[in-house]
């Protein structure tokens, strides 16, 4: 199989690339390296089944040419910053929504077998219904969340209009190795672990009782591969979360146990666009694709800290 991964040098994309190379598939990574890193692909620097194309998803002619001949497309590339989308919604739209349209149009032209898209739980916003299922009300509270939902809508339309099998995976809070802690929109776990290791204080925006659905990156890769393997002809969407809530204060307590030391914590005011409560109902993913998380949050944290 020929696999194409936009954002393939990034956090999640590089893990997908690694898994497909381990299974002896040919993989093309397409990345503009604005946040992706060559270091994330060191596991395959001598693997002749890996091709790296430097390019931007806004560059339709280059993207369309690069996608030609590939069977399976994983669209991971995006500007993942809620705050950046609030500060500059037009530029974020061009990458996140416009880039998705470019990927879908390229897939249509070259008759790709399936497109799997990295959607986000941000589409749900702060609607009070919990846990979030695939039929929960969609109410984004940031341009980032709106862009992701627009992208998911285009996936459904391209499936219905042009017959391309498409899947939207609504990621909750993904964490694990290769997540860049220096990024202003990196996951909270990556930032916490890096600062704790360096004996620096961590900052919690809010009272720490806000909770998230943290899922380890290897389980997210499992969800992507199960979605790719399912014999489907239309559009599907799935929530991709561990299925249990963890507060930031509970998270800090786990890290305190793992590192076996006290952690200096500073509490600050909540940030604009942050969601206070988020947890997934992943039953559809489990029932239809056979998904079963292999890592608890604490096991994922232990795996992450061993890699640092």
C-alpha atoms as a PDB file:
ATOM      1  CA  UNK A   1       0.000   0.000   0.000  1.00  0.00           C
ATOM      2  CA  UNK A   2       1.115   3.559  -0.720  1.00  0.00           C
ATOM      3  CA  UNK A   3       0.376   5.829   2.238  1.00  0.00           C
ATOM      4  CA  UNK A   4       0.413   9.637   2.123  1.00  0.00           C
ATOM      5  CA  UNK A   5       0.560  11.657   5.355  1.00  0.00           C
ATOM      6  CA  UNK A   6       0.193  15.435   5.464  1.00  0.00           C
ATOM      7  CA  UNK A   7       1.946  16.770   8.542  1.00  0.00           C
ATOM      8  CA  UNK A   8       3.854  13.512   8.624  1.00  0.00           C
ATOM      9  CA  UNK A   9       6.862  15.054  10.375  1.00  0.00           C
ATOM     10  CA  UNK A  10       4.663  16.267  13.212  1.00  0.00           C
ATOM     11  CA  UNK A  11       3.704  14.688  16.503  1.00  0.00           C
ATOM     12  CA  UNK A  12       0.882  12.316  15.508  1.00  0.00           C
ATOM     13  CA  UNK A  13       1.755  12.092  11.818  1.00  0.00           C
ATOM     14  CA  UNK A  14       5.248  10.760  12.505  1.00  0.00           C
ATOM     15  CA  UNK A  15       3.823   8.000  14.718  1.00  0.00           C
ATOM     16  CA  UNK A  16       1.429   6.971  11.928  1.00  0.00           C
ATOM     17  CA  UNK A  17       4.331   6.949   9.466  1.00  0.00           C
ATOM     18  CA  UNK A  18       6.408   4.797  11.805  1.00  0.00           C
ATOM     19  CA  UNK A  19       3.657   2.200  12.217  1.00  0.00           C
ATOM     20  CA  UNK A  20       3.041   1.850   8.483  1.00  0.00           C
ATOM     21  CA  UNK A  21       6.743   1.512   7.771  1.00  0.00           C
ATOM     22  CA  UNK A  22       6.950  -1.227  10.405  1.00  0.00           C
ATOM     23  CA  UNK A  23       4.253  -3.029   8.414  1.00  0.00           C
ATOM     24  CA  UNK A  24       6.323  -2.717   5.222  1.00  0.00           C
ATOM     25  CA  UNK A  25       4.177  -0.151   3.409  1.00  0.00           C
ATOM     26  CA  UNK A  26       5.504   2.721   1.305  1.00  0.00           C
ATOM     27  CA  UNK A  27       5.016   6.066   3.040  1.00  0.00           C
ATOM     28  CA  UNK A  28       5.203   9.626   1.748  1.00  0.00           C
ATOM     29  CA  UNK A  29       5.477  12.371   4.347  1.00  0.00           C
ATOM     30  CA  UNK A  30       4.292  15.789   3.142  1.00  0.00           C
ATOM     31  CA  UNK A  31       5.220  18.605   5.531  1.00  0.00           C
ATOM     32  CA  UNK A  32       6.239  22.262   5.352  1.00  0.00           C
ATOM     33  CA  UNK A  33       8.281  21.862   8.575  1.00  0.00           C
ATOM     34  CA  UNK A  34       6.739  24.918  10.207  1.00  0.00           C
ATOM     35  CA  UNK A  35       6.138  22.772  13.293  1.00  0.00           C
ATOM     36  CA  UNK A  36       7.126  19.313  12.058  1.00  0.00           C
ATOM     37  CA  UNK A  37      10.726  18.197  12.526  1.00  0.00           C
ATOM     38  CA  UNK A  38      13.117  15.912  10.699  1.00  0.00           C
ATOM     39  CA  UNK A  39      14.130  14.600  14.119  1.00  0.00           C
ATOM     40  CA  UNK A  40      10.660  13.054  14.406  1.00  0.00           C
ATOM     41  CA  UNK A  41      11.521  10.830  11.421  1.00  0.00           C
ATOM     42  CA  UNK A  42      14.918   9.628  12.635  1.00  0.00           C
ATOM     43  CA  UNK A  43      13.534   6.120  13.048  1.00  0.00           C
ATOM     44  CA  UNK A  44      13.481   5.818   9.245  1.00  0.00           C
ATOM     45  CA  UNK A  45      16.303   7.955   7.879  1.00  0.00           C
ATOM     46  CA  UNK A  46      17.759   4.962   6.041  1.00  0.00           C
ATOM     47  CA  UNK A  47      14.444   3.353   5.073  1.00  0.00           C
ATOM     48  CA  UNK A  48      14.029   3.480   1.312  1.00  0.00           C
ATOM     49  CA  UNK A  49      10.261   3.017   1.695  1.00  0.00           C
ATOM     50  CA  UNK A  50       9.992   6.510   3.194  1.00  0.00           C
ATOM     51  CA  UNK A  51       9.761   9.527   0.895  1.00  0.00           C
ATOM     52  CA  UNK A  52       9.794  13.051   2.303  1.00  0.00           C
ATOM     53  CA  UNK A  53       8.286  15.925   0.316  1.00  0.00           C
ATOM     54  CA  UNK A  54       8.615  19.426   1.683  1.00  0.00           C
ATOM     55  CA  UNK A  55       5.473  21.331   0.817  1.00  0.00           C
ATOM     56  CA  UNK A  56       2.535  23.316   2.114  1.00  0.00           C
ATOM     57  CA  UNK A  57      -1.067  22.084   1.942  1.00  0.00           C
ATOM     58  CA  UNK A  58      -2.041  25.538   0.645  1.00  0.00           C
ATOM     59  CA  UNK A  59       0.088  24.853  -2.454  1.00  0.00           C
ATOM     60  CA  UNK A  60      -2.504  22.920  -4.440  1.00  0.00           C
ATOM     61  CA  UNK A  61      -0.417  22.171  -7.565  1.00  0.00           C
ATOM     62  CA  UNK A  62       2.440  20.708  -5.506  1.00  0.00           C
ATOM     63  CA  UNK A  63       0.089  18.813  -3.185  1.00  0.00           C
ATOM     64  CA  UNK A  64      -1.946  17.372  -6.034  1.00  0.00           C
ATOM     65  CA  UNK A  65       1.200  16.195  -7.800  1.00  0.00           C
ATOM     66  CA  UNK A  66       2.560  14.631  -4.594  1.00  0.00           C
ATOM     67  CA  UNK A  67      -0.676  12.748  -3.830  1.00  0.00           C
ATOM     68  CA  UNK A  68      -0.828  11.118  -7.265  1.00  0.00           C
ATOM     69  CA  UNK A  69      -0.486   7.333  -7.050  1.00  0.00           C
ATOM     70  CA  UNK A  70      -1.250   6.964  -3.339  1.00  0.00           C
ATOM     71  CA  UNK A  71      -3.944   4.656  -1.992  1.00  0.00           C
ATOM     72  CA  UNK A  72      -4.507   5.983   1.499  1.00  0.00           C
ATOM     73  CA  UNK A  73      -4.322   9.583   2.713  1.00  0.00           C
ATOM     74  CA  UNK A  74      -3.978  10.644   6.344  1.00  0.00           C
ATOM     75  CA  UNK A  75      -4.572  14.392   6.645  1.00  0.00           C
ATOM     76  CA  UNK A  76      -2.829  15.495   9.862  1.00  0.00           C
ATOM     77  CA  UNK A  77      -1.442  18.891   8.839  1.00  0.00           C
ATOM     78  CA  UNK A  78      -2.974  21.931  10.524  1.00  0.00           C
ATOM     79  CA  UNK A  79      -2.377  25.019  12.586  1.00  0.00           C
ATOM     80  CA  UNK A  80      -3.335  23.499  15.927  1.00  0.00           C
ATOM     81  CA  UNK A  81      -3.391  26.682  17.983  1.00  0.00           C
ATOM     82  CA  UNK A  82      -6.733  27.856  19.361  1.00  0.00           C
ATOM     83  CA  UNK A  83      -5.179  31.189  20.329  1.00  0.00           C
ATOM     84  CA  UNK A  84      -3.584  31.680  16.914  1.00  0.00           C
ATOM     85  CA  UNK A  85      -6.950  31.034  15.289  1.00  0.00           C
ATOM     86  CA  UNK A  86      -8.498  33.727  17.501  1.00  0.00           C
ATOM     87  CA  UNK A  87      -5.698  36.187  16.753  1.00  0.00           C
ATOM     88  CA  UNK A  88      -5.580  35.502  13.010  1.00  0.00           C
ATOM     89  CA  UNK A  89      -8.695  33.622  11.875  1.00  0.00           C
ATOM     90  CA  UNK A  90      -8.181  34.250   8.163  1.00  0.00           C
ATOM     91  CA  UNK A  91      -4.717  32.696   7.997  1.00  0.00           C
ATOM     92  CA  UNK A  92      -5.814  29.747  10.123  1.00  0.00           C
ATOM     93  CA  UNK A  93      -8.824  29.167   7.870  1.00  0.00           C
ATOM     94  CA  UNK A  94      -6.619  29.076   4.772  1.00  0.00           C
ATOM     95  CA  UNK A  95      -4.492  26.306   6.282  1.00  0.00           C
ATOM     96  CA  UNK A  96      -7.078  24.286   8.185  1.00  0.00           C
ATOM     97  CA  UNK A  97     -10.215  24.497   6.066  1.00  0.00           C
ATOM     98  CA  UNK A  98      -8.645  25.475   2.740  1.00  0.00           C
ATOM     99  CA  UNK A  99      -5.896  22.890   3.142  1.00  0.00           C
ATOM    100  CA  UNK A 100      -8.453  20.150   3.759  1.00  0.00           C
ATOM    101  CA  UNK A 101     -10.308  21.105   0.599  1.00  0.00           C
ATOM    102  CA  UNK A 102      -7.024  20.886  -1.339  1.00  0.00           C
ATOM    103  CA  UNK A 103      -6.383  17.405   0.070  1.00  0.00           C
ATOM    104  CA  UNK A 104      -9.886  16.217  -0.833  1.00  0.00           C
ATOM    105  CA  UNK A 105      -9.740  17.655  -4.338  1.00  0.00           C
ATOM    106  CA  UNK A 106      -6.356  15.994  -4.912  1.00  0.00           C
ATOM    107  CA  UNK A 107      -7.763  12.707  -3.629  1.00  0.00           C
ATOM    108  CA  UNK A 108     -10.755  13.027  -5.967  1.00  0.00           C
ATOM    109  CA  UNK A 109      -8.588  13.740  -8.992  1.00  0.00           C
ATOM    110  CA  UNK A 110      -6.320  10.768  -8.349  1.00  0.00           C
ATOM    111  CA  UNK A 111      -9.018   8.358  -7.111  1.00  0.00           C
ATOM    112  CA  UNK A 112      -7.541   7.692  -3.680  1.00  0.00           C
ATOM    113  CA  UNK A 113      -9.122   4.771  -1.844  1.00  0.00           C
ATOM    114  CA  UNK A 114      -9.725   6.631   1.432  1.00  0.00           C
ATOM    115  CA  UNK A 115      -9.055   9.926   3.227  1.00  0.00           C
ATOM    116  CA  UNK A 116      -8.728   9.929   7.030  1.00  0.00           C
ATOM    117  CA  UNK A 117      -8.836  13.337   8.658  1.00  0.00           C
ATOM    118  CA  UNK A 118      -7.547  14.540  12.029  1.00  0.00           C
ATOM    119  CA  UNK A 119     -10.624  16.330  13.325  1.00  0.00           C
ATOM    120  CA  UNK A 120     -10.884  17.599  16.912  1.00  0.00           C
ATOM    121  CA  UNK A 121     -13.088  17.569  19.983  1.00  0.00           C
ATOM    122  CA  UNK A 122     -12.872  21.373  19.691  1.00  0.00           C
ATOM    123  CA  UNK A 123     -15.888  21.175  17.377  1.00  0.00           C
ATOM    124  CA  UNK A 124     -18.089  20.507  20.427  1.00  0.00           C
ATOM    125  CA  UNK A 125     -17.040  23.712  22.171  1.00  0.00           C
ATOM    126  CA  UNK A 126     -18.503  24.227  25.630  1.00  0.00           C
ATOM    127  CA  UNK A 127     -21.927  22.706  25.047  1.00  0.00           C
ATOM    128  CA  UNK A 128     -22.840  21.155  28.432  1.00  0.00           C
ATOM    129  CA  UNK A 129     -23.754  17.660  27.206  1.00  0.00           C
ATOM    130  CA  UNK A 130     -21.256  15.100  28.527  1.00  0.00           C
ATOM    131  CA  UNK A 131     -19.783  12.724  27.580  1.00  0.00           C
ATOM    132  CA  UNK A 132     -19.494  13.782  23.959  1.00  0.00           C
ATOM    133  CA  UNK A 133     -20.809  11.280  21.417  1.00  0.00           C
ATOM    134  CA  UNK A 134     -20.813  11.487  17.646  1.00  0.00           C
ATOM    135  CA  UNK A 135     -24.364  12.912  17.761  1.00  0.00           C
ATOM    136  CA  UNK A 136     -23.653  15.507  20.460  1.00  0.00           C
ATOM    137  CA  UNK A 137     -24.425  19.122  19.524  1.00  0.00           C
ATOM    138  CA  UNK A 138     -21.604  20.892  17.708  1.00  0.00           C
ATOM    139  CA  UNK A 139     -20.865  24.372  19.041  1.00  0.00           C
ATOM    140  CA  UNK A 140     -17.251  25.501  18.431  1.00  0.00           C
ATOM    141  CA  UNK A 141     -16.067  28.475  20.472  1.00  0.00           C
ATOM    142  CA  UNK A 142     -12.944  29.237  18.428  1.00  0.00           C
ATOM    143  CA  UNK A 143     -12.143  29.648  14.731  1.00  0.00           C
ATOM    144  CA  UNK A 144      -9.955  26.535  15.105  1.00  0.00           C
ATOM    145  CA  UNK A 145     -12.968  24.453  16.162  1.00  0.00           C
ATOM    146  CA  UNK A 146     -15.061  25.974  13.378  1.00  0.00           C
ATOM    147  CA  UNK A 147     -12.363  25.169  10.787  1.00  0.00           C
ATOM    148  CA  UNK A 148     -12.265  21.552  11.928  1.00  0.00           C
ATOM    149  CA  UNK A 149     -16.028  21.210  11.637  1.00  0.00           C
ATOM    150  CA  UNK A 150     -16.044  22.861   8.199  1.00  0.00           C
ATOM    151  CA  UNK A 151     -13.375  20.345   7.169  1.00  0.00           C
ATOM    152  CA  UNK A 152     -15.428  17.437   8.473  1.00  0.00           C
ATOM    153  CA  UNK A 153     -18.441  18.736   6.533  1.00  0.00           C
ATOM    154  CA  UNK A 154     -16.362  18.755   3.350  1.00  0.00           C
ATOM    155  CA  UNK A 155     -15.330  15.151   4.014  1.00  0.00           C
ATOM    156  CA  UNK A 156     -19.002  14.163   4.152  1.00  0.00           C
ATOM    157  CA  UNK A 157     -19.769  16.126   0.986  1.00  0.00           C
ATOM    158  CA  UNK A 158     -16.886  14.631  -0.991  1.00  0.00           C
ATOM    159  CA  UNK A 159     -18.034  11.188   0.017  1.00  0.00           C
ATOM    160  CA  UNK A 160     -21.646  11.861  -0.976  1.00  0.00           C
ATOM    161  CA  UNK A 161     -20.911  13.810  -4.161  1.00  0.00           C
ATOM    162  CA  UNK A 162     -17.836  12.045  -5.504  1.00  0.00           C
ATOM    163  CA  UNK A 163     -17.865   8.623  -3.852  1.00  0.00           C
ATOM    164  CA  UNK A 164     -14.612   8.987  -1.905  1.00  0.00           C
ATOM    165  CA  UNK A 165     -14.597   6.989   1.346  1.00  0.00           C
ATOM    166  CA  UNK A 166     -13.747   9.469   4.117  1.00  0.00           C
ATOM    167  CA  UNK A 167     -13.327   9.278   7.891  1.00  0.00           C
ATOM    168  CA  UNK A 168     -13.158  12.097  10.444  1.00  0.00           C
ATOM    169  CA  UNK A 169     -11.438  11.143  13.693  1.00  0.00           C
ATOM    170  CA  UNK A 170     -12.318  13.621  16.419  1.00  0.00           C
ATOM    171  CA  UNK A 171      -9.211  13.626  18.587  1.00  0.00           C
ATOM    172  CA  UNK A 172      -9.548  14.510  22.237  1.00  0.00           C
ATOM    173  CA  UNK A 173      -6.368  15.365  24.223  1.00  0.00           C
ATOM    174  CA  UNK A 174      -3.526  13.416  22.639  1.00  0.00           C
ATOM    175  CA  UNK A 175      -0.170  13.117  24.404  1.00  0.00           C
ATOM    176  CA  UNK A 176       3.060  11.181  24.034  1.00  0.00           C
ATOM    177  CA  UNK A 177       6.630  11.261  22.716  1.00  0.00           C
ATOM    178  CA  UNK A 178       7.545  13.844  20.025  1.00  0.00           C
ATOM    179  CA  UNK A 179       4.991  16.398  21.192  1.00  0.00           C
ATOM    180  CA  UNK A 180       6.876  19.690  21.115  1.00  0.00           C
ATOM    181  CA  UNK A 181       6.836  21.311  24.589  1.00  0.00           C
ATOM    182  CA  UNK A 182       8.298  24.577  23.253  1.00  0.00           C
ATOM    183  CA  UNK A 183       5.222  25.233  21.148  1.00  0.00           C
ATOM    184  CA  UNK A 184       2.770  27.748  22.628  1.00  0.00           C
ATOM    185  CA  UNK A 185      -0.086  25.394  21.733  1.00  0.00           C
ATOM    186  CA  UNK A 186       1.492  22.124  22.718  1.00  0.00           C
ATOM    187  CA  UNK A 187      -0.456  19.701  24.863  1.00  0.00           C
ATOM    188  CA  UNK A 188      -0.476  20.450  28.559  1.00  0.00           C
ATOM    189  CA  UNK A 189       1.160  17.104  29.398  1.00  0.00           C
ATOM    190  CA  UNK A 190       4.167  17.775  27.170  1.00  0.00           C
ATOM    191  CA  UNK A 191       4.629  21.185  28.772  1.00  0.00           C
ATOM    192  CA  UNK A 192       4.192  19.834  32.310  1.00  0.00           C
ATOM    193  CA  UNK A 193       6.640  16.931  31.925  1.00  0.00           C
ATOM    194  CA  UNK A 194       9.342  19.097  30.371  1.00  0.00           C
ATOM    195  CA  UNK A 195       9.135  21.700  33.127  1.00  0.00           C
ATOM    196  CA  UNK A 196       8.986  19.129  35.919  1.00  0.00           C
ATOM    197  CA  UNK A 197      12.044  17.339  34.570  1.00  0.00           C
ATOM    198  CA  UNK A 198      13.894  20.680  34.557  1.00  0.00           C
ATOM    199  CA  UNK A 199      12.749  21.425  38.147  1.00  0.00           C
ATOM    200  CA  UNK A 200      10.739  24.407  36.937  1.00  0.00           C
ATOM    201  CA  UNK A 201       7.266  25.429  38.159  1.00  0.00           C
ATOM    202  CA  UNK A 202       4.236  24.543  36.053  1.00  0.00           C
ATOM    203  CA  UNK A 203       1.373  26.921  35.334  1.00  0.00           C
ATOM    204  CA  UNK A 204      -2.253  25.834  35.397  1.00  0.00           C
ATOM    205  CA  UNK A 205      -4.693  28.180  33.671  1.00  0.00           C
ATOM    206  CA  UNK A 206      -7.741  27.976  35.935  1.00  0.00           C
ATOM    207  CA  UNK A 207      -8.269  26.164  39.226  1.00  0.00           C
ATOM    208  CA  UNK A 208      -7.011  22.772  38.012  1.00  0.00           C
ATOM    209  CA  UNK A 209     -10.378  21.094  38.461  1.00  0.00           C
ATOM    210  CA  UNK A 210     -11.109  21.419  34.748  1.00  0.00           C
ATOM    211  CA  UNK A 211     -10.877  18.013  33.132  1.00  0.00           C
ATOM    212  CA  UNK A 212      -9.882  16.490  29.836  1.00  0.00           C
ATOM    213  CA  UNK A 213      -9.971  13.131  28.085  1.00  0.00           C
ATOM    214  CA  UNK A 214      -6.269  12.320  27.681  1.00  0.00           C
ATOM    215  CA  UNK A 215      -5.359   9.589  25.187  1.00  0.00           C
ATOM    216  CA  UNK A 216      -1.884   8.226  24.443  1.00  0.00           C
ATOM    217  CA  UNK A 217      -0.577   8.753  20.921  1.00  0.00           C
ATOM    218  CA  UNK A 218      -0.102   5.040  20.212  1.00  0.00           C
ATOM    219  CA  UNK A 219      -3.805   4.506  20.818  1.00  0.00           C
ATOM    220  CA  UNK A 220      -4.575   7.341  18.395  1.00  0.00           C
ATOM    221  CA  UNK A 221      -2.428   5.564  15.802  1.00  0.00           C
ATOM    222  CA  UNK A 222      -4.404   2.383  16.490  1.00  0.00           C
ATOM    223  CA  UNK A 223      -7.655   4.289  15.794  1.00  0.00           C
ATOM    224  CA  UNK A 224      -6.262   5.619  12.499  1.00  0.00           C
ATOM    225  CA  UNK A 225      -5.197   2.185  11.338  1.00  0.00           C
ATOM    226  CA  UNK A 226      -8.526   0.596  12.289  1.00  0.00           C
ATOM    227  CA  UNK A 227     -10.329   3.330  10.353  1.00  0.00           C
ATOM    228  CA  UNK A 228      -8.102   2.658   7.358  1.00  0.00           C
ATOM    229  CA  UNK A 229      -8.708  -1.089   7.491  1.00  0.00           C
ATOM    230  CA  UNK A 230     -12.500  -0.889   7.709  1.00  0.00           C
ATOM    231  CA  UNK A 231     -14.176  -1.709   4.414  1.00  0.00           C
ATOM    232  CA  UNK A 232     -16.312   1.405   4.003  1.00  0.00           C
ATOM    233  CA  UNK A 233     -17.734   3.268   1.029  1.00  0.00           C
ATOM    234  CA  UNK A 234     -19.169   6.429   2.577  1.00  0.00           C
ATOM    235  CA  UNK A 235     -18.412   8.934   5.329  1.00  0.00           C
ATOM    236  CA  UNK A 236     -17.883   8.088   8.993  1.00  0.00           C
ATOM    237  CA  UNK A 237     -16.900  10.072  12.055  1.00  0.00           C
ATOM    238  CA  UNK A 238     -15.586   8.773  15.362  1.00  0.00           C
ATOM    239  CA  UNK A 239     -14.651  10.223  18.723  1.00  0.00           C
ATOM    240  CA  UNK A 240     -11.086   9.240  19.593  1.00  0.00           C
ATOM    241  CA  UNK A 241     -10.565   9.477  23.326  1.00  0.00           C
ATOM    242  CA  UNK A 242      -9.687   7.246  26.239  1.00  0.00           C
ATOM    243  CA  UNK A 243     -13.256   7.629  27.484  1.00  0.00           C
ATOM    244  CA  UNK A 244     -12.486   8.807  31.016  1.00  0.00           C
ATOM    245  CA  UNK A 245     -12.049  12.258  32.534  1.00  0.00           C
ATOM    246  CA  UNK A 246      -8.836  13.369  34.220  1.00  0.00           C
ATOM    247  CA  UNK A 247      -8.568  16.754  35.941  1.00  0.00           C
ATOM    248  CA  UNK A 248      -5.362  18.749  35.660  1.00  0.00           C
ATOM    249  CA  UNK A 249      -4.901  18.443  39.416  1.00  0.00           C
ATOM    250  CA  UNK A 250      -5.213  14.639  39.152  1.00  0.00           C
ATOM    251  CA  UNK A 251      -2.757  14.713  36.279  1.00  0.00           C
ATOM    252  CA  UNK A 252      -0.245  16.602  38.411  1.00  0.00           C
ATOM    253  CA  UNK A 253      -0.687  14.080  41.200  1.00  0.00           C
ATOM    254  CA  UNK A 254       0.157  11.221  38.790  1.00  0.00           C
ATOM    255  CA  UNK A 255       3.256  13.075  37.607  1.00  0.00           C
ATOM    256  CA  UNK A 256       4.271  13.701  41.203  1.00  0.00           C
ATOM    257  CA  UNK A 257       4.152   9.927  41.806  1.00  0.00           C
ATOM    258  CA  UNK A 258       6.033   9.100  38.598  1.00  0.00           C
ATOM    259  CA  UNK A 259       8.808  11.629  39.229  1.00  0.00           C
ATOM    260  CA  UNK A 260       8.715  11.015  42.997  1.00  0.00           C
ATOM    261  CA  UNK A 261       9.149  14.675  43.875  1.00  0.00           C
ATOM    262  CA  UNK A 262       7.187  17.767  44.780  1.00  0.00           C
ATOM    263  CA  UNK A 263       5.936  19.939  41.938  1.00  0.00           C
ATOM    264  CA  UNK A 264       5.711  23.716  42.157  1.00  0.00           C
ATOM    265  CA  UNK A 265       2.361  24.791  40.688  1.00  0.00           C
ATOM    266  CA  UNK A 266       1.184  28.313  39.828  1.00  0.00           C
ATOM    267  CA  UNK A 267      -2.474  28.970  39.060  1.00  0.00           C
ATOM    268  CA  UNK A 268      -3.427  31.692  36.590  1.00  0.00           C
ATOM    269  CA  UNK A 269      -6.647  32.933  35.011  1.00  0.00           C
ATOM    270  CA  UNK A 270      -8.270  30.713  32.343  1.00  0.00           C
ATOM    271  CA  UNK A 271      -7.308  31.375  28.729  1.00  0.00           C
ATOM    272  CA  UNK A 272      -9.773  32.549  26.105  1.00  0.00           C
ATOM    273  CA  UNK A 273     -11.133  29.657  24.044  1.00  0.00           C
ATOM    274  CA  UNK A 274     -10.193  26.961  26.568  1.00  0.00           C
ATOM    275  CA  UNK A 275     -12.909  24.399  27.315  1.00  0.00           C
ATOM    276  CA  UNK A 276     -13.458  23.556  30.974  1.00  0.00           C
ATOM    277  CA  UNK A 277     -14.932  20.053  30.693  1.00  0.00           C
ATOM    278  CA  UNK A 278     -14.311  17.506  27.954  1.00  0.00           C
ATOM    279  CA  UNK A 279     -14.672  13.729  27.882  1.00  0.00           C
ATOM    280  CA  UNK A 280     -15.568  11.335  25.087  1.00  0.00           C
ATOM    281  CA  UNK A 281     -17.999   8.531  24.588  1.00  0.00           C
ATOM    282  CA  UNK A 282     -15.886   6.259  22.356  1.00  0.00           C
ATOM    283  CA  UNK A 283     -18.446   3.460  22.093  1.00  0.00           C
ATOM    284  CA  UNK A 284     -18.930   3.861  18.340  1.00  0.00           C
ATOM    285  CA  UNK A 285     -15.186   3.526  17.766  1.00  0.00           C
ATOM    286  CA  UNK A 286     -15.129   0.438  19.950  1.00  0.00           C
ATOM    287  CA  UNK A 287     -18.263  -1.214  18.551  1.00  0.00           C
ATOM    288  CA  UNK A 288     -17.627  -0.566  14.850  1.00  0.00           C
ATOM    289  CA  UNK A 289     -13.833  -0.733  14.636  1.00  0.00           C
ATOM    290  CA  UNK A 290     -12.884  -2.871  17.630  1.00  0.00           C
ATOM    291  CA  UNK A 291     -10.915  -0.086  19.296  1.00  0.00           C
ATOM    292  CA  UNK A 292      -9.630  -0.793  22.799  1.00  0.00           C
ATOM    293  CA  UNK A 293      -7.150   1.609  24.438  1.00  0.00           C
ATOM    294  CA  UNK A 294      -3.926  -0.181  25.313  1.00  0.00           C
ATOM    295  CA  UNK A 295      -2.627   2.521  27.661  1.00  0.00           C
ATOM    296  CA  UNK A 296      -4.188   4.086  30.732  1.00  0.00           C
ATOM    297  CA  UNK A 297      -3.348   7.731  31.277  1.00  0.00           C
ATOM    298  CA  UNK A 298      -0.763   6.812  33.900  1.00  0.00           C
ATOM    299  CA  UNK A 299       0.794   4.110  31.697  1.00  0.00           C
ATOM    300  CA  UNK A 300       1.024   6.634  28.859  1.00  0.00           C
ATOM    301  CA  UNK A 301       2.665   9.133  31.207  1.00  0.00           C
ATOM    302  CA  UNK A 302       5.206   6.521  32.272  1.00  0.00           C
ATOM    303  CA  UNK A 303       5.978   5.699  28.636  1.00  0.00           C
ATOM    304  CA  UNK A 304       6.365   9.401  27.856  1.00  0.00           C
ATOM    305  CA  UNK A 305       8.677  10.147  30.768  1.00  0.00           C
ATOM    306  CA  UNK A 306      10.923   7.200  29.816  1.00  0.00           C
ATOM    307  CA  UNK A 307      11.359   8.749  26.359  1.00  0.00           C
ATOM    308  CA  UNK A 308      12.444  12.180  27.633  1.00  0.00           C
END
